């Protein structure tokens, strides 16, 4: 690649930052709420993206990862498979925090729910990212929503009884 054709360092930095922000939450979700465990995996994924040229110019001429977004998420998912970091309750996930119930869900269910609700991925894309059939994902996401909704309703009921 000719030196003249390379994007300026500022553009590369901005593209990396945009991709890191997009991926970081998913990395934390995959690691069960442990941000310290997600950091190295997100960084490795970003470096792999640079090596594989997963950044290109978008419609506005800015360097972007969006065309390869699914690849980024799939690699991050694969890197986190089978890892079980010890989440420090009280520091990583505050004791009594609403997110504790979310992190009690199985890794696949957490990932599917996060990608569906926070990243607005269609089930077909989630299926390609985590390598599970769409029907199973839809079922898992629905069960997770029921579980979390039920916990929230009970928390509200208990809170009202206390006063």
C-alpha atoms as a PDB file:
ATOM      1  CA  UNK A   1       0.000   0.000   0.000  1.00  0.00           C
ATOM      2  CA  UNK A   2       1.383   3.390  -0.950  1.00  0.00           C
ATOM      3  CA  UNK A   3       2.040   5.875   1.794  1.00  0.00           C
ATOM      4  CA  UNK A   4      -0.264   8.410   0.088  1.00  0.00           C
ATOM      5  CA  UNK A   5      -3.210   5.969   0.182  1.00  0.00           C
ATOM      6  CA  UNK A   6      -3.054   5.373   3.940  1.00  0.00           C
ATOM      7  CA  UNK A   7      -5.621   7.254   6.058  1.00  0.00           C
ATOM      8  CA  UNK A   8      -4.252   9.830   8.504  1.00  0.00           C
ATOM      9  CA  UNK A   9      -3.573   8.526  12.024  1.00  0.00           C
ATOM     10  CA  UNK A  10      -6.376  10.687  13.447  1.00  0.00           C
ATOM     11  CA  UNK A  11      -8.915   8.870  11.226  1.00  0.00           C
ATOM     12  CA  UNK A  12      -7.595   5.462  12.273  1.00  0.00           C
ATOM     13  CA  UNK A  13      -7.750   6.457  15.938  1.00  0.00           C
ATOM     14  CA  UNK A  14     -11.345   7.670  15.574  1.00  0.00           C
ATOM     15  CA  UNK A  15     -12.376   4.481  13.745  1.00  0.00           C
ATOM     16  CA  UNK A  16     -10.766   2.343  16.474  1.00  0.00           C
ATOM     17  CA  UNK A  17     -12.498   4.363  19.173  1.00  0.00           C
ATOM     18  CA  UNK A  18     -15.887   4.001  17.452  1.00  0.00           C
ATOM     19  CA  UNK A  19     -15.414   0.247  17.100  1.00  0.00           C
ATOM     20  CA  UNK A  20     -14.211  -0.091  20.717  1.00  0.00           C
ATOM     21  CA  UNK A  21     -17.278   1.734  22.028  1.00  0.00           C
ATOM     22  CA  UNK A  22     -19.509  -0.503  19.893  1.00  0.00           C
ATOM     23  CA  UNK A  23     -17.804  -3.714  21.083  1.00  0.00           C
ATOM     24  CA  UNK A  24     -16.981  -2.947  24.715  1.00  0.00           C
ATOM     25  CA  UNK A  25     -20.463  -3.473  26.169  1.00  0.00           C
ATOM     26  CA  UNK A  26     -20.739  -6.826  24.400  1.00  0.00           C
ATOM     27  CA  UNK A  27     -17.345  -7.828  25.770  1.00  0.00           C
ATOM     28  CA  UNK A  28     -18.465  -7.025  29.306  1.00  0.00           C
ATOM     29  CA  UNK A  29     -21.715  -8.950  28.770  1.00  0.00           C
ATOM     30  CA  UNK A  30     -19.778 -11.988  27.489  1.00  0.00           C
ATOM     31  CA  UNK A  31     -17.477 -11.805  30.522  1.00  0.00           C
ATOM     32  CA  UNK A  32     -20.354 -11.775  32.994  1.00  0.00           C
ATOM     33  CA  UNK A  33     -19.955  -8.162  34.041  1.00  0.00           C
ATOM     34  CA  UNK A  34     -16.178  -8.128  34.492  1.00  0.00           C
ATOM     35  CA  UNK A  35     -14.785  -5.156  32.532  1.00  0.00           C
ATOM     36  CA  UNK A  36     -11.197  -6.045  33.450  1.00  0.00           C
ATOM     37  CA  UNK A  37     -11.655  -9.402  31.671  1.00  0.00           C
ATOM     38  CA  UNK A  38     -13.281  -7.822  28.605  1.00  0.00           C
ATOM     39  CA  UNK A  39     -10.516  -5.278  27.928  1.00  0.00           C
ATOM     40  CA  UNK A  40      -7.886  -7.650  26.481  1.00  0.00           C
ATOM     41  CA  UNK A  41     -10.430  -9.454  24.311  1.00  0.00           C
ATOM     42  CA  UNK A  42     -11.790  -6.208  22.873  1.00  0.00           C
ATOM     43  CA  UNK A  43      -8.240  -5.011  22.146  1.00  0.00           C
ATOM     44  CA  UNK A  44      -7.322  -8.317  20.476  1.00  0.00           C
ATOM     45  CA  UNK A  45     -10.471  -8.119  18.360  1.00  0.00           C
ATOM     46  CA  UNK A  46      -9.683  -4.553  17.278  1.00  0.00           C
ATOM     47  CA  UNK A  47      -6.119  -5.540  16.311  1.00  0.00           C
ATOM     48  CA  UNK A  48      -7.459  -8.488  14.327  1.00  0.00           C
ATOM     49  CA  UNK A  49      -9.817  -6.076  12.595  1.00  0.00           C
ATOM     50  CA  UNK A  50      -6.884  -3.865  11.610  1.00  0.00           C
ATOM     51  CA  UNK A  51      -4.914  -6.872  10.350  1.00  0.00           C
ATOM     52  CA  UNK A  52      -7.873  -8.138   8.307  1.00  0.00           C
ATOM     53  CA  UNK A  53      -8.684  -4.680   6.941  1.00  0.00           C
ATOM     54  CA  UNK A  54     -12.128  -4.630   8.567  1.00  0.00           C
ATOM     55  CA  UNK A  55     -12.131  -0.852   8.499  1.00  0.00           C
ATOM     56  CA  UNK A  56     -13.104   0.922   5.292  1.00  0.00           C
ATOM     57  CA  UNK A  57     -14.607   4.200   4.173  1.00  0.00           C
ATOM     58  CA  UNK A  58     -18.324   4.609   4.793  1.00  0.00           C
ATOM     59  CA  UNK A  59     -20.733   6.647   2.649  1.00  0.00           C
ATOM     60  CA  UNK A  60     -19.430   9.891   4.201  1.00  0.00           C
ATOM     61  CA  UNK A  61     -15.816   9.028   3.428  1.00  0.00           C
ATOM     62  CA  UNK A  62     -14.919   8.327   7.064  1.00  0.00           C
ATOM     63  CA  UNK A  63     -13.070   5.214   8.153  1.00  0.00           C
ATOM     64  CA  UNK A  64     -15.635   2.832   9.718  1.00  0.00           C
ATOM     65  CA  UNK A  65     -16.050  -0.727  11.020  1.00  0.00           C
ATOM     66  CA  UNK A  66     -19.780  -0.972  10.283  1.00  0.00           C
ATOM     67  CA  UNK A  67     -19.443  -3.075   7.111  1.00  0.00           C
ATOM     68  CA  UNK A  68     -17.607  -5.697   9.171  1.00  0.00           C
ATOM     69  CA  UNK A  69     -19.560  -5.238  12.403  1.00  0.00           C
ATOM     70  CA  UNK A  70     -20.899  -8.789  12.397  1.00  0.00           C
ATOM     71  CA  UNK A  71     -17.343 -10.148  11.996  1.00  0.00           C
ATOM     72  CA  UNK A  72     -16.133  -8.069  14.943  1.00  0.00           C
ATOM     73  CA  UNK A  73     -18.916  -9.313  17.205  1.00  0.00           C
ATOM     74  CA  UNK A  74     -18.431 -12.939  16.105  1.00  0.00           C
ATOM     75  CA  UNK A  75     -14.681 -12.839  16.845  1.00  0.00           C
ATOM     76  CA  UNK A  76     -15.308 -11.250  20.244  1.00  0.00           C
ATOM     77  CA  UNK A  77     -17.912 -13.944  21.008  1.00  0.00           C
ATOM     78  CA  UNK A  78     -15.501 -16.713  20.000  1.00  0.00           C
ATOM     79  CA  UNK A  79     -12.720 -15.233  22.163  1.00  0.00           C
ATOM     80  CA  UNK A  80     -15.001 -15.219  25.210  1.00  0.00           C
ATOM     81  CA  UNK A  81     -16.321 -18.777  24.811  1.00  0.00           C
ATOM     82  CA  UNK A  82     -15.673 -20.926  27.843  1.00  0.00           C
ATOM     83  CA  UNK A  83     -14.164 -18.131  29.900  1.00  0.00           C
ATOM     84  CA  UNK A  84     -15.476 -17.711  33.415  1.00  0.00           C
ATOM     85  CA  UNK A  85     -13.855 -14.727  35.071  1.00  0.00           C
ATOM     86  CA  UNK A  86     -14.622 -14.274  38.715  1.00  0.00           C
ATOM     87  CA  UNK A  87     -16.821 -11.215  38.858  1.00  0.00           C
ATOM     88  CA  UNK A  88     -16.255  -9.207  41.995  1.00  0.00           C
ATOM     89  CA  UNK A  89     -19.681  -8.507  43.477  1.00  0.00           C
ATOM     90  CA  UNK A  90     -19.637  -5.059  44.980  1.00  0.00           C
ATOM     91  CA  UNK A  91     -17.076  -3.693  42.551  1.00  0.00           C
ATOM     92  CA  UNK A  92     -17.798  -5.090  39.062  1.00  0.00           C
ATOM     93  CA  UNK A  93     -21.527  -5.513  39.703  1.00  0.00           C
ATOM     94  CA  UNK A  94     -22.776  -3.620  42.761  1.00  0.00           C
ATOM     95  CA  UNK A  95     -24.587  -5.731  45.346  1.00  0.00           C
ATOM     96  CA  UNK A  96     -28.351  -5.315  44.948  1.00  0.00           C
ATOM     97  CA  UNK A  97     -27.918  -3.655  41.561  1.00  0.00           C
ATOM     98  CA  UNK A  98     -30.608  -4.280  38.926  1.00  0.00           C
ATOM     99  CA  UNK A  99     -27.998  -5.719  36.547  1.00  0.00           C
ATOM    100  CA  UNK A 100     -27.150  -8.588  38.910  1.00  0.00           C
ATOM    101  CA  UNK A 101     -30.158 -10.562  37.643  1.00  0.00           C
ATOM    102  CA  UNK A 102     -28.988 -10.027  34.059  1.00  0.00           C
ATOM    103  CA  UNK A 103     -25.535 -11.417  34.855  1.00  0.00           C
ATOM    104  CA  UNK A 104     -27.098 -14.521  36.424  1.00  0.00           C
ATOM    105  CA  UNK A 105     -28.333 -15.532  32.966  1.00  0.00           C
ATOM    106  CA  UNK A 106     -26.261 -18.028  30.953  1.00  0.00           C
ATOM    107  CA  UNK A 107     -23.597 -16.509  28.685  1.00  0.00           C
ATOM    108  CA  UNK A 108     -25.419 -17.313  25.424  1.00  0.00           C
ATOM    109  CA  UNK A 109     -28.696 -15.873  26.709  1.00  0.00           C
ATOM    110  CA  UNK A 110     -27.008 -12.688  27.967  1.00  0.00           C
ATOM    111  CA  UNK A 111     -25.250 -12.213  24.640  1.00  0.00           C
ATOM    112  CA  UNK A 112     -28.397 -12.793  22.568  1.00  0.00           C
ATOM    113  CA  UNK A 113     -30.497 -10.482  24.759  1.00  0.00           C
ATOM    114  CA  UNK A 114     -27.841  -7.755  24.631  1.00  0.00           C
ATOM    115  CA  UNK A 115     -27.434  -7.937  20.861  1.00  0.00           C
ATOM    116  CA  UNK A 116     -31.207  -7.952  20.342  1.00  0.00           C
ATOM    117  CA  UNK A 117     -32.188  -5.179  22.757  1.00  0.00           C
ATOM    118  CA  UNK A 118     -29.157  -2.881  22.927  1.00  0.00           C
ATOM    119  CA  UNK A 119     -27.647  -3.302  19.463  1.00  0.00           C
ATOM    120  CA  UNK A 120     -30.983  -3.940  17.658  1.00  0.00           C
ATOM    121  CA  UNK A 121     -29.550  -6.887  15.705  1.00  0.00           C
ATOM    122  CA  UNK A 122     -32.070  -9.071  13.869  1.00  0.00           C
ATOM    123  CA  UNK A 123     -32.207 -12.698  15.000  1.00  0.00           C
ATOM    124  CA  UNK A 124     -30.536 -13.828  11.746  1.00  0.00           C
ATOM    125  CA  UNK A 125     -27.469 -11.686  12.518  1.00  0.00           C
ATOM    126  CA  UNK A 126     -27.346 -12.826  16.142  1.00  0.00           C
ATOM    127  CA  UNK A 127     -27.524 -16.400  14.906  1.00  0.00           C
ATOM    128  CA  UNK A 128     -24.456 -15.847  12.713  1.00  0.00           C
ATOM    129  CA  UNK A 129     -22.571 -14.107  15.543  1.00  0.00           C
ATOM    130  CA  UNK A 130     -23.121 -16.783  18.216  1.00  0.00           C
ATOM    131  CA  UNK A 131     -23.558 -19.804  15.925  1.00  0.00           C
ATOM    132  CA  UNK A 132     -26.949 -20.937  17.226  1.00  0.00           C
ATOM    133  CA  UNK A 133     -30.215 -21.446  15.255  1.00  0.00           C
ATOM    134  CA  UNK A 134     -32.617 -18.496  15.178  1.00  0.00           C
ATOM    135  CA  UNK A 135     -35.505 -20.427  16.757  1.00  0.00           C
ATOM    136  CA  UNK A 136     -33.401 -21.272  19.811  1.00  0.00           C
ATOM    137  CA  UNK A 137     -32.280 -17.653  20.130  1.00  0.00           C
ATOM    138  CA  UNK A 138     -35.841 -16.352  19.995  1.00  0.00           C
ATOM    139  CA  UNK A 139     -36.845 -18.802  22.708  1.00  0.00           C
ATOM    140  CA  UNK A 140     -33.858 -17.905  24.917  1.00  0.00           C
ATOM    141  CA  UNK A 141     -34.439 -14.167  24.558  1.00  0.00           C
ATOM    142  CA  UNK A 142     -38.125 -14.551  25.415  1.00  0.00           C
ATOM    143  CA  UNK A 143     -37.342 -16.666  28.508  1.00  0.00           C
ATOM    144  CA  UNK A 144     -34.726 -14.144  29.610  1.00  0.00           C
ATOM    145  CA  UNK A 145     -37.169 -11.267  29.256  1.00  0.00           C
ATOM    146  CA  UNK A 146     -39.751 -13.140  31.321  1.00  0.00           C
ATOM    147  CA  UNK A 147     -37.142 -13.941  33.981  1.00  0.00           C
ATOM    148  CA  UNK A 148     -35.929 -10.343  34.209  1.00  0.00           C
ATOM    149  CA  UNK A 149     -39.425  -8.865  34.109  1.00  0.00           C
ATOM    150  CA  UNK A 150     -40.554 -11.250  36.836  1.00  0.00           C
ATOM    151  CA  UNK A 151     -37.589 -10.259  39.005  1.00  0.00           C
ATOM    152  CA  UNK A 152     -38.289  -6.564  38.529  1.00  0.00           C
ATOM    153  CA  UNK A 153     -41.966  -6.977  39.389  1.00  0.00           C
ATOM    154  CA  UNK A 154     -41.063  -8.926  42.548  1.00  0.00           C
ATOM    155  CA  UNK A 155     -38.482  -6.293  43.518  1.00  0.00           C
ATOM    156  CA  UNK A 156     -41.123  -3.581  43.211  1.00  0.00           C
ATOM    157  CA  UNK A 157     -43.629  -5.613  45.221  1.00  0.00           C
ATOM    158  CA  UNK A 158     -41.093  -6.264  47.978  1.00  0.00           C
ATOM    159  CA  UNK A 159     -40.076  -2.628  48.050  1.00  0.00           C
ATOM    160  CA  UNK A 160     -43.720  -1.531  48.512  1.00  0.00           C
ATOM    161  CA  UNK A 161     -44.244  -4.030  51.362  1.00  0.00           C
ATOM    162  CA  UNK A 162     -41.260  -2.627  53.217  1.00  0.00           C
ATOM    163  CA  UNK A 163     -42.802   0.830  53.508  1.00  0.00           C
END
